[in-house]
Amino acid sequence: MEEKDVAARVARLRMQKGVSARDMSLSLGQNPGYVNNIETGKTRPSLTGILYICEYFGITPAQFFDFSVEAPQELEQTVQLLKRLNQNQLSHIRAVIQDILERR
């Protein structure tokens, strides 16, 4: 993991949420340029800053740093829904997912 990975992750998650860097900064209780400075690599968030960012996005630090998952919020919401399905329903969903991935 490189410093630019964290900056890109914050930018991607922020854009997925549809908020401006300024609004996110203010929601985190920071100065208006805080998130922009992270995204441009001018500053790095502290561990506490990362925790607040994760809380803002509704994800865990593990989900934040799992760069293989493009949309951790969506994945978490989907997993919560999948937990409510029975075994037969899960088998059908898995088959649909496999079909989608094979068609890529």
N, C-alpha and C. Protein backbone atom coordinates (compact mmCIF):
# COMPACT_ATOMS: atom_id res chain seq x y z
N MET A 1 0.85 -1.18 0.00
CA MET A 1 0.00 0.00 0.00
C MET A 1 0.88 1.23 0.00
N GLU A 2 0.50 2.16 -0.82
CA GLU A 2 1.22 3.41 -0.91
C GLU A 2 0.33 4.56 -0.45
N GLU A 3 0.96 5.68 -0.19
CA GLU A 3 0.23 6.87 0.26
C GLU A 3 -0.86 7.26 -0.74
N LYS A 4 -0.55 7.13 -2.03
CA LYS A 4 -1.53 7.51 -3.05
C LYS A 4 -2.76 6.60 -3.03
N ASP A 5 -2.59 5.37 -2.51
CA ASP A 5 -3.73 4.46 -2.42
C ASP A 5 -4.79 4.98 -1.47
N VAL A 6 -4.36 5.52 -0.35
CA VAL A 6 -5.30 6.08 0.63
C VAL A 6 -6.00 7.30 0.04
N ALA A 7 -5.23 8.15 -0.63
CA ALA A 7 -5.81 9.35 -1.25
C ALA A 7 -6.85 8.96 -2.29
N ALA A 8 -6.52 7.97 -3.12
CA ALA A 8 -7.45 7.53 -4.17
C ALA A 8 -8.69 6.88 -3.56
N ARG A 9 -8.49 6.15 -2.46
CA ARG A 9 -9.62 5.47 -1.81
C ARG A 9 -10.60 6.50 -1.25
N VAL A 10 -10.07 7.51 -0.58
CA VAL A 10 -10.94 8.56 -0.03
C VAL A 10 -11.70 9.24 -1.17
N ALA A 11 -11.01 9.56 -2.25
CA ALA A 11 -11.66 10.24 -3.38
C ALA A 11 -12.76 9.36 -3.98
N ARG A 12 -12.47 8.08 -4.19
CA ARG A 12 -13.45 7.19 -4.81
C ARG A 12 -14.69 7.04 -3.92
N LEU A 13 -14.47 6.81 -2.63
CA LEU A 13 -15.60 6.63 -1.72
C LEU A 13 -16.43 7.90 -1.61
N ARG A 14 -15.75 9.03 -1.61
CA ARG A 14 -16.46 10.31 -1.53
C ARG A 14 -17.32 10.52 -2.76
N MET A 15 -16.77 10.23 -3.93
CA MET A 15 -17.53 10.40 -5.16
C MET A 15 -18.71 9.42 -5.22
N GLN A 16 -18.50 8.20 -4.74
CA GLN A 16 -19.60 7.24 -4.70
C GLN A 16 -20.73 7.74 -3.81
N LYS A 17 -20.35 8.43 -2.74
CA LYS A 17 -21.35 8.96 -1.82
C LYS A 17 -22.01 10.22 -2.38
N GLY A 18 -21.35 10.85 -3.36
CA GLY A 18 -21.92 12.02 -4.01
C GLY A 18 -21.82 13.30 -3.20
N VAL A 19 -20.73 13.44 -2.47
CA VAL A 19 -20.53 14.66 -1.69
C VAL A 19 -19.25 15.36 -2.13
N SER A 20 -19.22 16.65 -1.91
CA SER A 20 -18.02 17.41 -2.25
C SER A 20 -16.96 17.21 -1.17
N ALA A 21 -15.73 17.47 -1.54
CA ALA A 21 -14.63 17.37 -0.58
C ALA A 21 -14.85 18.38 0.56
N ARG A 22 -15.34 19.55 0.23
CA ARG A 22 -15.60 20.57 1.24
C ARG A 22 -16.66 20.11 2.24
N ASP A 23 -17.78 19.61 1.71
CA ASP A 23 -18.86 19.16 2.59
C ASP A 23 -18.41 18.00 3.48
N MET A 24 -17.64 17.09 2.91
CA MET A 24 -17.14 15.98 3.71
C MET A 24 -16.21 16.49 4.81
N SER A 25 -15.33 17.41 4.46
CA SER A 25 -14.41 17.99 5.45
C SER A 25 -15.18 18.60 6.61
N LEU A 26 -16.18 19.38 6.28
CA LEU A 26 -16.97 20.04 7.32
C LEU A 26 -17.75 19.02 8.15
N SER A 27 -18.25 17.97 7.51
CA SER A 27 -18.96 16.92 8.25
C SER A 27 -18.04 16.19 9.22
N LEU A 28 -16.77 16.13 8.87
CA LEU A 28 -15.79 15.50 9.75
C LEU A 28 -15.29 16.45 10.84
N GLY A 29 -15.77 17.69 10.81
CA GLY A 29 -15.35 18.68 11.80
C GLY A 29 -13.98 19.25 11.52
N GLN A 30 -13.59 19.24 10.27
CA GLN A 30 -12.27 19.73 9.87
C GLN A 30 -12.40 21.01 9.07
N ASN A 31 -11.25 21.59 8.72
CA ASN A 31 -11.28 22.79 7.89
C ASN A 31 -11.76 22.41 6.49
N PRO A 32 -12.28 23.37 5.74
CA PRO A 32 -12.88 23.07 4.44
C PRO A 32 -11.96 22.36 3.43
N GLY A 33 -10.65 22.52 3.56
CA GLY A 33 -9.72 21.92 2.62
C GLY A 33 -9.14 20.58 3.06
N TYR A 34 -9.57 20.06 4.20
CA TYR A 34 -9.00 18.83 4.77
C TYR A 34 -9.02 17.66 3.80
N VAL A 35 -10.18 17.32 3.27
CA VAL A 35 -10.29 16.16 2.38
C VAL A 35 -9.56 16.42 1.07
N ASN A 36 -9.66 17.61 0.53
CA ASN A 36 -8.92 17.94 -0.69
C ASN A 36 -7.43 17.75 -0.49
N ASN A 37 -6.92 18.15 0.65
CA ASN A 37 -5.49 17.98 0.94
C ASN A 37 -5.10 16.50 1.02
N ILE A 38 -5.98 15.68 1.54
CA ILE A 38 -5.72 14.23 1.58
C ILE A 38 -5.73 13.67 0.16
N GLU A 39 -6.74 14.04 -0.61
CA GLU A 39 -6.88 13.50 -1.96
C GLU A 39 -5.77 13.93 -2.90
N THR A 40 -5.21 15.10 -2.68
CA THR A 40 -4.13 15.58 -3.54
C THR A 40 -2.75 15.18 -3.01
N GLY A 41 -2.73 14.52 -1.88
CA GLY A 41 -1.46 14.06 -1.32
C GLY A 41 -0.69 15.10 -0.54
N LYS A 42 -1.30 16.25 -0.28
CA LYS A 42 -0.62 17.29 0.49
C LYS A 42 -0.48 16.91 1.96
N THR A 43 -1.46 16.17 2.47
CA THR A 43 -1.41 15.70 3.85
C THR A 43 -1.89 14.27 3.90
N ARG A 44 -1.51 13.59 4.98
CA ARG A 44 -1.99 12.23 5.23
C ARG A 44 -2.87 12.26 6.47
N PRO A 45 -3.96 11.51 6.45
CA PRO A 45 -4.80 11.49 7.65
C PRO A 45 -4.12 10.69 8.76
N SER A 46 -4.33 11.12 9.98
CA SER A 46 -3.83 10.37 11.13
C SER A 46 -4.67 9.11 11.29
N LEU A 47 -4.27 8.26 12.21
CA LEU A 47 -5.07 7.07 12.49
C LEU A 47 -6.46 7.48 12.94
N THR A 48 -6.55 8.48 13.79
CA THR A 48 -7.85 8.98 14.22
C THR A 48 -8.64 9.51 13.04
N GLY A 49 -7.95 10.20 12.13
CA GLY A 49 -8.61 10.71 10.93
C GLY A 49 -9.17 9.59 10.08
N ILE A 50 -8.40 8.51 9.92
CA ILE A 50 -8.88 7.34 9.17
C ILE A 50 -10.13 6.77 9.83
N LEU A 51 -10.11 6.68 11.15
CA LEU A 51 -11.28 6.13 11.86
C LEU A 51 -12.52 6.99 11.65
N TYR A 52 -12.34 8.31 11.67
CA TYR A 52 -13.48 9.20 11.42
C TYR A 52 -13.96 9.09 9.97
N ILE A 53 -13.02 8.95 9.05
CA ILE A 53 -13.38 8.79 7.64
C ILE A 53 -14.18 7.50 7.45
N CYS A 54 -13.72 6.43 8.08
CA CYS A 54 -14.44 5.15 7.99
C CYS A 54 -15.85 5.28 8.57
N GLU A 55 -15.96 5.93 9.70
CA GLU A 55 -17.27 6.14 10.31
C GLU A 55 -18.16 6.95 9.38
N TYR A 56 -17.60 7.96 8.75
CA TYR A 56 -18.36 8.81 7.81
C TYR A 56 -18.93 7.97 6.67
N PHE A 57 -18.13 7.02 6.16
CA PHE A 57 -18.59 6.19 5.05
C PHE A 57 -19.37 4.96 5.51
N GLY A 58 -19.40 4.71 6.81
CA GLY A 58 -20.14 3.56 7.32
C GLY A 58 -19.45 2.23 7.03
N ILE A 59 -18.12 2.26 7.06
CA ILE A 59 -17.34 1.05 6.82
C ILE A 59 -16.31 0.87 7.92
N THR A 60 -15.76 -0.33 8.01
CA THR A 60 -14.72 -0.60 8.98
C THR A 60 -13.36 -0.24 8.38
N PRO A 61 -12.35 -0.06 9.22
CA PRO A 61 -11.00 0.16 8.67
C PRO A 61 -10.56 -0.98 7.76
N ALA A 62 -10.92 -2.21 8.11
CA ALA A 62 -10.56 -3.35 7.25
C ALA A 62 -11.18 -3.19 5.87
N GLN A 63 -12.42 -2.74 5.82
CA GLN A 63 -13.08 -2.52 4.53
C GLN A 63 -12.44 -1.35 3.78
N PHE A 64 -12.04 -0.33 4.50
CA PHE A 64 -11.39 0.82 3.87
C PHE A 64 -10.10 0.39 3.18
N PHE A 65 -9.31 -0.44 3.86
CA PHE A 65 -8.00 -0.82 3.34
C PHE A 65 -8.04 -2.04 2.42
N ASP A 66 -9.20 -2.62 2.19
CA ASP A 66 -9.32 -3.71 1.24
C ASP A 66 -9.54 -3.11 -0.14
N PHE A 67 -8.45 -2.76 -0.79
CA PHE A 67 -8.52 -2.06 -2.07
C PHE A 67 -9.04 -2.94 -3.21
N SER A 68 -9.21 -4.23 -2.95
CA SER A 68 -9.77 -5.11 -3.99
C SER A 68 -11.28 -4.93 -4.11
N VAL A 69 -11.90 -4.29 -3.14
CA VAL A 69 -13.35 -4.05 -3.17
C VAL A 69 -13.58 -2.60 -3.55
N GLU A 70 -14.20 -2.40 -4.69
CA GLU A 70 -14.40 -1.05 -5.21
C GLU A 70 -15.45 -0.25 -4.42
N ALA A 71 -16.49 -0.94 -3.98
CA ALA A 71 -17.60 -0.26 -3.30
C ALA A 71 -17.93 -1.01 -1.99
N PRO A 72 -17.15 -0.77 -0.94
CA PRO A 72 -17.36 -1.53 0.30
C PRO A 72 -18.72 -1.32 0.96
N GLN A 73 -19.29 -0.11 0.81
CA GLN A 73 -20.61 0.12 1.40
C GLN A 73 -21.66 -0.76 0.73
N GLU A 74 -21.61 -0.82 -0.59
CA GLU A 74 -22.55 -1.64 -1.35
C GLU A 74 -22.37 -3.12 -1.02
N LEU A 75 -21.12 -3.54 -0.92
CA LEU A 75 -20.86 -4.94 -0.60
C LEU A 75 -21.42 -5.30 0.77
N GLU A 76 -21.20 -4.44 1.74
CA GLU A 76 -21.70 -4.71 3.10
C GLU A 76 -23.22 -4.77 3.11
N GLN A 77 -23.88 -3.85 2.43
CA GLN A 77 -25.34 -3.86 2.37
C GLN A 77 -25.85 -5.12 1.69
N THR A 78 -25.15 -5.55 0.65
CA THR A 78 -25.54 -6.77 -0.07
C THR A 78 -25.37 -8.00 0.81
N VAL A 79 -24.26 -8.06 1.54
CA VAL A 79 -24.01 -9.20 2.44
C VAL A 79 -25.12 -9.27 3.50
N GLN A 80 -25.52 -8.13 4.02
CA GLN A 80 -26.57 -8.13 5.04
C GLN A 80 -27.88 -8.69 4.46
N LEU A 81 -28.18 -8.35 3.22
CA LEU A 81 -29.38 -8.89 2.59
C LEU A 81 -29.24 -10.39 2.32
N LEU A 82 -28.06 -10.80 1.86
CA LEU A 82 -27.83 -12.22 1.58
C LEU A 82 -28.00 -13.09 2.83
N LYS A 83 -27.67 -12.56 3.98
CA LYS A 83 -27.79 -13.31 5.23
C LYS A 83 -29.24 -13.69 5.53
N ARG A 84 -30.17 -12.99 4.92
CA ARG A 84 -31.59 -13.24 5.18
C ARG A 84 -32.17 -14.32 4.26
N LEU A 85 -31.38 -14.78 3.27
CA LEU A 85 -31.87 -15.76 2.32
C LEU A 85 -31.64 -17.19 2.81
N ASN A 86 -32.47 -18.10 2.29
CA ASN A 86 -32.25 -19.51 2.63
C ASN A 86 -31.23 -20.11 1.66
N GLN A 87 -30.88 -21.37 1.89
CA GLN A 87 -29.83 -22.01 1.10
C GLN A 87 -30.18 -22.07 -0.39
N ASN A 88 -31.40 -22.39 -0.71
CA ASN A 88 -31.83 -22.46 -2.11
C ASN A 88 -31.72 -21.10 -2.79
N GLN A 89 -32.17 -20.07 -2.11
CA GLN A 89 -32.10 -18.72 -2.67
C GLN A 89 -30.64 -18.30 -2.88
N LEU A 90 -29.79 -18.62 -1.92
CA LEU A 90 -28.36 -18.29 -2.06
C LEU A 90 -27.74 -19.00 -3.25
N SER A 91 -28.13 -20.24 -3.49
CA SER A 91 -27.61 -20.99 -4.64
C SER A 91 -27.98 -20.30 -5.95
N HIS A 92 -29.20 -19.80 -6.02
CA HIS A 92 -29.64 -19.09 -7.23
C HIS A 92 -28.85 -17.79 -7.41
N ILE A 93 -28.67 -17.07 -6.35
CA ILE A 93 -27.91 -15.81 -6.42
C ILE A 93 -26.48 -16.09 -6.84
N ARG A 94 -25.87 -17.11 -6.27
CA ARG A 94 -24.49 -17.47 -6.62
C ARG A 94 -24.41 -17.79 -8.12
N ALA A 95 -25.39 -18.53 -8.64
CA ALA A 95 -25.39 -18.88 -10.07
C ALA A 95 -25.48 -17.62 -10.94
N VAL A 96 -26.30 -16.68 -10.54
CA VAL A 96 -26.43 -15.42 -11.28
C VAL A 96 -25.09 -14.67 -11.26
N ILE A 97 -24.46 -14.61 -10.11
CA ILE A 97 -23.17 -13.91 -9.99
C ILE A 97 -22.12 -14.59 -10.88
N GLN A 98 -22.08 -15.92 -10.84
CA GLN A 98 -21.12 -16.63 -11.68
C GLN A 98 -21.36 -16.35 -13.15
N ASP A 99 -22.62 -16.31 -13.56
CA ASP A 99 -22.96 -16.02 -14.94
C ASP A 99 -22.50 -14.62 -15.34
N ILE A 100 -22.74 -13.66 -14.48
CA ILE A 100 -22.31 -12.27 -14.75
C ILE A 100 -20.79 -12.21 -14.90
N LEU A 101 -20.07 -12.86 -14.01
CA LEU A 101 -18.61 -12.81 -14.05
C LEU A 101 -18.05 -13.53 -15.28
N GLU A 102 -18.70 -14.57 -15.73
CA GLU A 102 -18.25 -15.31 -16.91
C GLU A 102 -18.47 -14.51 -18.19
N ARG A 103 -19.44 -13.62 -18.19
CA ARG A 103 -19.76 -12.83 -19.38
C ARG A 103 -18.88 -11.60 -19.53
N ARG A 104 -18.06 -11.31 -18.57
CA ARG A 104 -17.20 -10.11 -18.62
C ARG A 104 -16.28 -10.14 -19.78
